PDB file of N, CA and C in Angstrom:
ATOM      1  N   MET A   1     -11.331   5.852   2.196  1.00  0.00           N
ATOM      2  CA  MET A   1     -10.480   5.318   2.328  1.00  0.00           C
ATOM      3  C   MET A   1     -10.484   4.302   0.958  1.00  0.00           C
ATOM      4  N   PRO A   2     -10.219   4.687  -0.103  1.00  0.00           N
ATOM      5  CA  PRO A   2     -10.023   4.114  -1.604  1.00  0.00           C
ATOM      6  C   PRO A   2      -9.545   3.011  -1.672  1.00  0.00           C
ATOM      7  N   GLU A   3     -10.684   2.093  -2.016  1.00  0.00           N
ATOM      8  CA  GLU A   3     -10.101   0.453  -2.381  1.00  0.00           C
ATOM      9  C   GLU A   3      -9.534   0.667  -3.832  1.00  0.00           C
ATOM     10  N   ILE A   4      -7.841  -0.106  -3.613  1.00  0.00           N
ATOM     11  CA  ILE A   4      -7.906  -0.397  -5.296  1.00  0.00           C
ATOM     12  C   ILE A   4      -7.917  -1.591  -5.610  1.00  0.00           C
ATOM     13  N   SER A   5      -8.310  -2.671  -4.624  1.00  0.00           N
ATOM     14  CA  SER A   5      -8.106  -4.080  -5.200  1.00  0.00           C
ATOM     15  C   SER A   5      -8.664  -5.117  -4.146  1.00  0.00           C
ATOM     16  N   ARG A   6      -9.447  -6.197  -4.532  1.00  0.00           N
ATOM     17  CA  ARG A   6      -9.634  -6.990  -3.169  1.00  0.00           C
ATOM     18  C   ARG A   6      -9.510  -8.147  -4.173  1.00  0.00           C
ATOM     19  N   PHE A   7      -8.879  -9.352  -3.092  1.00  0.00           N
ATOM     20  CA  PHE A   7      -8.475 -10.434  -3.876  1.00  0.00           C
ATOM     21  C   PHE A   7      -8.303 -11.562  -2.828  1.00  0.00           C
ATOM     22  N   PHE A   8      -9.201 -12.712  -2.389  1.00  0.00           N
ATOM     23  CA  PHE A   8      -8.992 -13.999  -1.892  1.00  0.00           C
ATOM     24  C   PHE A   8      -8.917 -13.808  -0.562  1.00  0.00           C
ATOM     25  N   SER A   9     -10.099 -12.270   0.084  1.00  0.00           N
ATOM     26  CA  SER A   9     -10.363 -12.127   1.333  1.00  0.00           C
ATOM     27  C   SER A   9      -9.479 -10.615   1.460  1.00  0.00           C
ATOM     28  N   ILE A  10      -8.626 -10.671   0.541  1.00  0.00           N
ATOM     29  CA  ILE A  10      -7.767  -9.769   1.428  1.00  0.00           C
ATOM     30  C   ILE A  10      -8.166  -7.800   0.499  1.00  0.00           C
ATOM     31  N   ILE A  11      -8.351  -7.035   1.295  1.00  0.00           N
ATOM     32  CA  ILE A  11      -8.390  -6.023   1.062  1.00  0.00           C
ATOM     33  C   ILE A  11      -7.443  -4.984   0.539  1.00  0.00           C
ATOM     34  N   ILE A  12      -7.319  -4.579  -0.296  1.00  0.00           N
ATOM     35  CA  ILE A  12      -5.840  -3.360  -0.803  1.00  0.00           C
ATOM     36  C   ILE A  12      -6.579  -2.107  -1.065  1.00  0.00           C
ATOM     37  N   ARG A  13      -6.382  -1.096   0.028  1.00  0.00           N
ATOM     38  CA  ARG A  13      -6.453   0.362  -0.205  1.00  0.00           C
ATOM     39  C   ARG A  13      -4.935   1.295  -0.293  1.00  0.00           C
ATOM     40  N   MET A  14      -5.229   2.426  -0.458  1.00  0.00           N
ATOM     41  CA  MET A  14      -4.591   3.238  -0.291  1.00  0.00           C
ATOM     42  C   MET A  14      -4.972   5.068  -0.411  1.00  0.00           C
ATOM     43  N   TYR A  15      -4.398   5.493   0.642  1.00  0.00           N
ATOM     44  CA  TYR A  15      -4.901   6.381   0.719  1.00  0.00           C
ATOM     45  C   TYR A  15      -3.977   7.879   1.301  1.00  0.00           C
ATOM     46  N   PRO A  16      -4.045   8.839   1.104  1.00  0.00           N
ATOM     47  CA  PRO A  16      -3.276  10.155   1.875  1.00  0.00           C
ATOM     48  C   PRO A  16      -3.604   9.988   3.545  1.00  0.00           C
ATOM     49  N   GLU A  17      -2.381  10.437   4.114  1.00  0.00           N
ATOM     50  CA  GLU A  17      -2.435  10.695   5.504  1.00  0.00           C
ATOM     51  C   GLU A  17      -1.662  11.631   5.352  1.00  0.00           C
ATOM     52  N   PRO A  18      -2.205  13.301   5.628  1.00  0.00           N
ATOM     53  CA  PRO A  18      -1.781  14.084   5.712  1.00  0.00           C
ATOM     54  C   PRO A  18      -1.256  14.416   6.809  1.00  0.00           C
ATOM     55  N   SER A  19      -1.655  13.874   7.920  1.00  0.00           N
ATOM     56  CA  SER A  19      -1.218  14.699   9.377  1.00  0.00           C
ATOM     57  C   SER A  19      -0.284  13.362   9.927  1.00  0.00           C
ATOM     58  N   LYS A  20       0.547  12.618   9.485  1.00  0.00           N
ATOM     59  CA  LYS A  20       1.380  11.851   9.444  1.00  0.00           C
ATOM     60  C   LYS A  20       2.647  11.871   8.543  1.00  0.00           C
ATOM     61  N   GLY A  21       2.831  12.571   7.632  1.00  0.00           N
ATOM     62  CA  GLY A  21       3.778  12.927   6.700  1.00  0.00           C
ATOM     63  C   GLY A  21       4.513  11.546   5.921  1.00  0.00           C
ATOM     64  N   HIS A  22       3.694  11.306   4.742  1.00  0.00           N
ATOM     65  CA  HIS A  22       4.037  10.038   4.191  1.00  0.00           C
ATOM     66  C   HIS A  22       5.944  10.604   3.662  1.00  0.00           C
ATOM     67  N   HIS A  23       6.587   9.567   3.766  1.00  0.00           N
ATOM     68  CA  HIS A  23       8.250   9.639   3.378  1.00  0.00           C
ATOM     69  C   HIS A  23       8.305   8.110   2.191  1.00  0.00           C
ATOM     70  N   SER A  24       7.254   7.144   2.363  1.00  0.00           N
ATOM     71  CA  SER A  24       7.639   6.294   1.247  1.00  0.00           C
ATOM     72  C   SER A  24       6.858   5.749   0.949  1.00  0.00           C
ATOM     73  N   PRO A  25       6.542   5.673  -0.545  1.00  0.00           N
ATOM     74  CA  PRO A  25       5.832   4.756  -1.232  1.00  0.00           C
ATOM     75  C   PRO A  25       5.007   3.602  -0.537  1.00  0.00           C
ATOM     76  N   HIS A  26       3.727   3.414  -0.463  1.00  0.00           N
ATOM     77  CA  HIS A  26       3.108   2.256   0.502  1.00  0.00           C
ATOM     78  C   HIS A  26       1.782   2.338   0.075  1.00  0.00           C
ATOM     79  N   PHE A  27       1.049   1.105   0.445  1.00  0.00           N
ATOM     80  CA  PHE A  27      -0.044   0.575   0.474  1.00  0.00           C
ATOM     81  C   PHE A  27      -0.809  -0.100   1.396  1.00  0.00           C
ATOM     82  N   HIS A  28      -2.172  -0.380   1.848  1.00  0.00           N
ATOM     83  CA  HIS A  28      -2.220  -0.776   3.066  1.00  0.00           C
ATOM     84  C   HIS A  28      -3.197  -2.190   2.533  1.00  0.00           C
ATOM     85  N   ALA A  29      -2.669  -3.236   3.222  1.00  0.00           N
ATOM     86  CA  ALA A  29      -3.640  -4.799   3.258  1.00  0.00           C
ATOM     87  C   ALA A  29      -4.223  -5.082   4.483  1.00  0.00           C
ATOM     88  N   TYR A  30      -5.707  -5.416   4.313  1.00  0.00           N
ATOM     89  CA  TYR A  30      -6.038  -6.117   5.572  1.00  0.00           C
ATOM     90  C   TYR A  30      -7.436  -7.525   5.000  1.00  0.00           C
ATOM     91  N   TYR A  31      -7.086  -8.236   6.002  1.00  0.00           N
ATOM     92  CA  TYR A  31      -7.171  -9.603   6.343  1.00  0.00           C
ATOM     93  C   TYR A  31      -8.155  -9.658   7.839  1.00  0.00           C
ATOM     94  N   GLN A  32      -9.480 -10.007   6.974  1.00  0.00           N
ATOM     95  CA  GLN A  32     -10.157 -10.453   8.704  1.00  0.00           C
ATOM     96  C   GLN A  32      -9.643  -9.408   9.850  1.00  0.00           C
ATOM     97  N   GLU A  33      -8.671  -9.694  10.820  1.00  0.00           N
ATOM     98  CA  GLU A  33      -9.057  -8.330  11.912  1.00  0.00           C
ATOM     99  C   GLU A  33      -7.077  -8.170  11.350  1.00  0.00           C
ATOM    100  N   PHE A  34      -6.580  -8.497  10.760  1.00  0.00           N
ATOM    101  CA  PHE A  34      -5.033  -8.636  10.836  1.00  0.00           C
ATOM    102  C   PHE A  34      -5.196  -7.455   9.494  1.00  0.00           C
ATOM    103  N   SER A  35      -3.692  -6.288   9.844  1.00  0.00           N
ATOM    104  CA  SER A  35      -3.553  -5.075   8.824  1.00  0.00           C
ATOM    105  C   SER A  35      -2.229  -5.008   8.808  1.00  0.00           C
ATOM    106  N   ALA A  36      -1.515  -4.645   8.002  1.00  0.00           N
ATOM    107  CA  ALA A  36      -0.325  -3.792   7.348  1.00  0.00           C
ATOM    108  C   ALA A  36       0.141  -3.311   6.419  1.00  0.00           C
ATOM    109  N   VAL A  37       1.216  -2.428   6.491  1.00  0.00           N
ATOM    110  CA  VAL A  37       1.492  -1.599   5.810  1.00  0.00           C
ATOM    111  C   VAL A  37       2.417  -2.015   4.510  1.00  0.00           C
ATOM    112  N   ILE A  38       2.663  -1.911   3.507  1.00  0.00           N
ATOM    113  CA  ILE A  38       3.644  -2.776   2.296  1.00  0.00           C
ATOM    114  C   ILE A  38       3.842  -1.244   1.730  1.00  0.00           C
ATOM    115  N   GLY A  39       5.405  -1.611   1.438  1.00  0.00           N
ATOM    116  CA  GLY A  39       5.935  -0.543   0.739  1.00  0.00           C
ATOM    117  C   GLY A  39       6.435  -1.072  -0.845  1.00  0.00           C
ATOM    118  N   ILE A  40       6.045  -0.287  -1.680  1.00  0.00           N
ATOM    119  CA  ILE A  40       6.157  -0.158  -3.129  1.00  0.00           C
ATOM    120  C   ILE A  40       7.479  -0.641  -3.415  1.00  0.00           C
ATOM    121  N   ASN A  41       8.587   0.383  -3.077  1.00  0.00           N
ATOM    122  CA  ASN A  41       9.793   0.107  -3.675  1.00  0.00           C
ATOM    123  C   ASN A  41      10.728   0.241  -2.881  1.00  0.00           C
ATOM    124  N   PRO A  42      11.202  -0.522  -2.242  1.00  0.00           N
ATOM    125  CA  PRO A  42      10.678  -2.763  -2.770  1.00  0.00           C
ATOM    126  C   PRO A  42       9.584  -2.766  -2.414  1.00  0.00           C
ATOM    127  N   ILE A  43       8.732  -3.927  -3.094  1.00  0.00           N
ATOM    128  CA  ILE A  43       7.903  -4.437  -2.311  1.00  0.00           C
ATOM    129  C   ILE A  43       7.994  -5.407  -0.785  1.00  0.00           C
ATOM    130  N   GLY A  44       7.553  -5.210   0.213  1.00  0.00           N
ATOM    131  CA  GLY A  44       7.583  -5.754   1.236  1.00  0.00           C
ATOM    132  C   GLY A  44       6.989  -4.948   2.824  1.00  0.00           C
ATOM    133  N   LEU A  45       7.005  -6.074   3.769  1.00  0.00           N
ATOM    134  CA  LEU A  45       6.526  -5.363   5.029  1.00  0.00           C
ATOM    135  C   LEU A  45       6.892  -4.127   5.644  1.00  0.00           C
ATOM    136  N   ILE A  46       6.601  -3.167   6.084  1.00  0.00           N
ATOM    137  CA  ILE A  46       6.721  -1.929   6.596  1.00  0.00           C
ATOM    138  C   ILE A  46       6.144  -2.128   7.933  1.00  0.00           C
ATOM    139  N   ALA A  47       5.163  -2.376   8.470  1.00  0.00           N
ATOM    140  CA  ALA A  47       4.203  -2.611   9.747  1.00  0.00           C
ATOM    141  C   ALA A  47       3.553  -3.515   9.394  1.00  0.00           C
ATOM    142  N   GLY A  48       2.850  -3.849  10.954  1.00  0.00           N
ATOM    143  CA  GLY A  48       1.447  -4.423  11.080  1.00  0.00           C
ATOM    144  C   GLY A  48       2.029  -6.012  10.555  1.00  0.00           C
ATOM    145  N   TYR A  49       0.970  -6.765  10.870  1.00  0.00           N
ATOM    146  CA  TYR A  49       1.048  -8.373  10.699  1.00  0.00           C
ATOM    147  C   TYR A  49      -0.212  -8.466   9.252  1.00  0.00           C
ATOM    148  N   LEU A  50       0.712  -9.860   9.150  1.00  0.00           N
ATOM    149  CA  LEU A  50      -0.727 -10.632   8.014  1.00  0.00           C
ATOM    150  C   LEU A  50      -0.547 -11.662   8.274  1.00  0.00           C
ATOM    151  N   PRO A  51      -1.020 -12.759   7.915  1.00  0.00           N
ATOM    152  CA  PRO A  51      -0.686 -14.258   8.301  1.00  0.00           C
ATOM    153  C   PRO A  51      -0.021 -14.351   7.114  1.00  0.00           C
ATOM    154  N   GLN A  52       1.065 -15.828   7.355  1.00  0.00           N
ATOM    155  CA  GLN A  52       2.625 -15.838   5.859  1.00  0.00           C
ATOM    156  C   GLN A  52       1.808 -15.896   4.956  1.00  0.00           C
ATOM    157  N   ARG A  53       0.710 -16.611   4.711  1.00  0.00           N
ATOM    158  CA  ARG A  53       0.110 -17.001   3.086  1.00  0.00           C
ATOM    159  C   ARG A  53      -0.594 -15.411   2.205  1.00  0.00           C
ATOM    160  N   GLN A  54      -1.300 -15.145   3.644  1.00  0.00           N
ATOM    161  CA  GLN A  54      -1.823 -13.711   2.974  1.00  0.00           C
ATOM    162  C   GLN A  54      -0.888 -12.596   2.603  1.00  0.00           C
ATOM    163  N   LEU A  55       0.424 -12.835   3.396  1.00  0.00           N
ATOM    164  CA  LEU A  55       1.175 -11.587   3.350  1.00  0.00           C
ATOM    165  C   LEU A  55       1.860 -12.229   1.644  1.00  0.00           C
ATOM    166  N   ARG A  56       2.484 -13.606   1.192  1.00  0.00           N
ATOM    167  CA  ARG A  56       2.920 -13.780  -0.155  1.00  0.00           C
ATOM    168  C   ARG A  56       1.964 -13.403  -0.656  1.00  0.00           C
ATOM    169  N   LEU A  57       0.984 -13.768  -0.818  1.00  0.00           N
ATOM    170  CA  LEU A  57      -0.397 -13.103  -2.303  1.00  0.00           C
ATOM    171  C   LEU A  57       0.028 -11.739  -2.088  1.00  0.00           C
ATOM    172  N   VAL A  58       0.128 -10.829  -0.711  1.00  0.00           N
ATOM    173  CA  VAL A  58      -0.213  -9.649  -1.208  1.00  0.00           C
ATOM    174  C   VAL A  58       1.144  -8.606  -1.733  1.00  0.00           C
ATOM    175  N   GLU A  59       2.158  -9.687  -1.585  1.00  0.00           N
ATOM    176  CA  GLU A  59       3.641  -9.416  -1.958  1.00  0.00           C
ATOM    177  C   GLU A  59       3.705  -9.782  -3.472  1.00  0.00           C
ATOM    178  N   ALA A  60       3.188 -11.448  -3.716  1.00  0.00           N
ATOM    179  CA  ALA A  60       3.273 -11.122  -5.229  1.00  0.00           C
ATOM    180  C   ALA A  60       2.288 -10.416  -6.239  1.00  0.00           C
ATOM    181  N   TRP A  61       1.372  -9.974  -5.727  1.00  0.00           N
ATOM    182  CA  TRP A  61       0.263  -8.899  -6.502  1.00  0.00           C
ATOM    183  C   TRP A  61       1.234  -7.556  -6.193  1.00  0.00           C
ATOM    184  N   GLY A  62       1.673  -7.342  -5.273  1.00  0.00           N
ATOM    185  CA  GLY A  62       2.372  -5.972  -5.645  1.00  0.00           C
ATOM    186  C   GLY A  62       3.506  -5.783  -6.766  1.00  0.00           C
ATOM    187  N   GLU A  63       4.113  -6.848  -6.582  1.00  0.00           N
ATOM    188  CA  GLU A  63       5.129  -6.900  -7.688  1.00  0.00           C
ATOM    189  C   GLU A  63       4.734  -6.929  -9.005  1.00  0.00           C
ATOM    190  N   LEU A  64       3.767  -7.863  -9.060  1.00  0.00           N
ATOM    191  CA  LEU A  64       3.044  -8.082  -9.843  1.00  0.00           C
ATOM    192  C   LEU A  64       2.565  -6.126 -10.623  1.00  0.00           C
ATOM    193  N   HIS A  65       2.359  -5.361 -10.239  1.00  0.00           N
ATOM    194  CA  HIS A  65       1.068  -4.368 -10.132  1.00  0.00           C
ATOM    195  C   HIS A  65       2.620  -2.832  -9.505  1.00  0.00           C
ATOM    196  N   GLN A  66       3.747  -2.992  -9.663  1.00  0.00           N
ATOM    197  CA  GLN A  66       4.332  -2.144  -8.882  1.00  0.00           C
ATOM    198  C   GLN A  66       4.463  -0.857  -9.662  1.00  0.00           C
ATOM    199  N   ILE A  67       4.323  -1.086 -11.021  1.00  0.00           N
ATOM    200  CA  ILE A  67       3.988   0.027 -11.526  1.00  0.00           C
ATOM    201  C   ILE A  67       2.679   0.970 -11.202  1.00  0.00           C
ATOM    202  N   GLU A  68       1.935   0.301 -11.598  1.00  0.00           N
ATOM    203  CA  GLU A  68       0.753   0.810 -10.811  1.00  0.00           C
ATOM    204  C   GLU A  68       0.348   1.484  -9.792  1.00  0.00           C
ATOM    205  N   LEU A  69       1.017   0.361  -9.089  1.00  0.00           N
ATOM    206  CA  LEU A  69       1.130   1.082  -7.722  1.00  0.00           C
ATOM    207  C   LEU A  69       1.744   2.502  -7.315  1.00  0.00           C
ATOM    208  N   GLN A  70       2.932   2.902  -8.259  1.00  0.00           N
ATOM    209  CA  GLN A  70       3.416   3.597  -7.982  1.00  0.00           C
ATOM    210  C   GLN A  70       3.078   5.176  -8.618  1.00  0.00           C
ATOM    211  N   ASN A  71       2.253   4.806  -9.860  1.00  0.00           N
ATOM    212  CA  ASN A  71       1.508   5.814 -10.202  1.00  0.00           C
ATOM    213  C   ASN A  71       0.459   6.140  -9.417  1.00  0.00           C
ATOM    214  N   ASP A  72      -0.556   5.003  -8.793  1.00  0.00           N
ATOM    215  CA  ASP A  72      -1.422   5.459  -7.912  1.00  0.00           C
ATOM    216  C   ASP A  72      -0.913   6.371  -6.491  1.00  0.00           C
ATOM    217  N   TRP A  73       0.056   6.114  -6.453  1.00  0.00           N
ATOM    218  CA  TRP A  73       1.090   6.973  -5.044  1.00  0.00           C
ATOM    219  C   TRP A  73       0.838   8.732  -5.594  1.00  0.00           C
ATOM    220  N   GLU A  74       1.541   8.296  -6.859  1.00  0.00           N
ATOM    221  CA  GLU A  74       1.864   9.470  -7.557  1.00  0.00           C
ATOM    222  C   GLU A  74       0.717  10.828  -7.594  1.00  0.00           C
ATOM    223  N   LYS A  75      -0.783   9.862  -7.563  1.00  0.00           N
ATOM    224  CA  LYS A  75      -1.995  10.448  -7.974  1.00  0.00           C
ATOM    225  C   LYS A  75      -2.318  10.763  -6.705  1.00  0.00           C
ATOM    226  N   LEU A  76      -2.063  10.368  -5.449  1.00  0.00           N
ATOM    227  CA  LEU A  76      -2.855  10.743  -4.129  1.00  0.00           C
ATOM    228  C   LEU A  76      -1.776  11.789  -3.585  1.00  0.00           C
ATOM    229  N   LEU A  77      -0.647  12.002  -3.979  1.00  0.00           N
ATOM    230  CA  LEU A  77       0.397  13.221  -4.253  1.00  0.00           C
ATOM    231  C   LEU A  77      -0.274  14.472  -4.193  1.00  0.00           C
ATOM    232  N   GLU A  78      -1.072  14.166  -5.775  1.00  0.00           N
ATOM    233  CA  GLU A  78      -1.384  15.555  -6.566  1.00  0.00           C
ATOM    234  C   GLU A  78      -2.528  16.071  -6.169  1.00  0.00           C
ATOM    235  N   GLY A  79      -3.599  14.855  -5.155  1.00  0.00           N
ATOM    236  CA  GLY A  79      -4.392  15.279  -4.620  1.00  0.00           C
ATOM    237  C   GLY A  79      -5.601  14.043  -5.274  1.00  0.00           C
ATOM    238  N   LYS A  80      -5.160  13.850  -6.588  1.00  0.00           N
ATOM    239  CA  LYS A  80      -6.039  12.883  -7.006  1.00  0.00           C
ATOM    240  C   LYS A  80      -6.607  11.649  -6.678  1.00  0.00           C
ATOM    241  N   ALA A  81      -8.001  10.995  -6.819  1.00  0.00           N
ATOM    242  CA  ALA A  81      -8.011   9.684  -6.081  1.00  0.00           C
ATOM    243  C   ALA A  81      -7.170   8.124  -7.137  1.00  0.00           C
ATOM    244  N   PRO A  82      -7.059   7.157  -6.196  1.00  0.00           N
ATOM    245  CA  PRO A  82      -6.328   6.613  -6.985  1.00  0.00           C
ATOM    246  C   PRO A  82      -6.758   5.901  -8.027  1.00  0.00           C
ATOM    247  N   ILE A  83      -6.939   4.741  -9.253  1.00  0.00           N
ATOM    248  CA  ILE A  83      -6.840   4.120 -10.002  1.00  0.00           C
ATOM    249  C   ILE A  83      -6.929   2.651  -9.421  1.00  0.00           C
ATOM    250  N   PRO A  84      -8.184   1.783  -9.574  1.00  0.00           N
ATOM    251  CA  PRO A  84      -8.009   0.541  -8.899  1.00  0.00           C
ATOM    252  C   PRO A  84      -7.378  -0.589  -9.536  1.00  0.00           C
ATOM    253  N   ILE A  85      -6.572  -1.407  -9.126  1.00  0.00           N
ATOM    254  CA  ILE A  85      -5.740  -2.351  -9.948  1.00  0.00           C
ATOM    255  C   ILE A  85      -6.276  -4.045  -9.654  1.00  0.00           C
ATOM    256  N   LYS A  86      -5.782  -5.100 -10.864  1.00  0.00           N
ATOM    257  CA  LYS A  86      -6.730  -5.745 -11.172  1.00  0.00           C
ATOM    258  C   LYS A  86      -5.974  -6.635  -9.948  1.00  0.00           C
ATOM    259  N   PRO A  87      -7.451  -7.715  -9.798  1.00  0.00           N
ATOM    260  CA  PRO A  87      -6.721  -8.486  -8.385  1.00  0.00           C
ATOM    261  C   PRO A  87      -6.179  -9.621  -8.786  1.00  0.00           C
ATOM    262  N   LEU A  88      -5.869 -10.614  -7.991  1.00  0.00           N
ATOM    263  CA  LEU A  88      -4.692 -11.636  -8.357  1.00  0.00           C
ATOM    264  C   LEU A  88      -6.606 -13.037  -8.445  1.00  0.00           C
ATOM    265  N   GLU A  89      -5.958 -13.633  -9.679  1.00  0.00           N
ATOM    266  CA  GLU A  89      -7.369 -14.651  -9.795  1.00  0.00           C
ATOM    267  C   GLU A  89      -6.494 -16.092  -9.619  1.00  0.00           C
TER     268      GLU A  89
END
C-alpha cells in the first residue's frame, strides 16, 4: 500500500481497491491503532476514526494538498503509482 506522506506520527496512504469498487476519491490515514478514510472532494471523514487533533491535522494537510491528492487518485485509476506529497511541518 503506497505511502504518500507521513507527519506527526500520521501515515497517509492511497491505493487501489479493485474489488471494493471505488466511487469517490479518498485516501487512508493511520495513527497508532486508529485508521480513517478521508474524502478528497470535499476533504472530510468518510469512515473510521482518528483522535480529534490528528483528524484536524489530516484535514488541514488535505486542504493544502487537495489538487495533488486528486492527481494521485487519477494516477491510481490509470494503474500508476501515486507521487509522494510534502508532509506538514
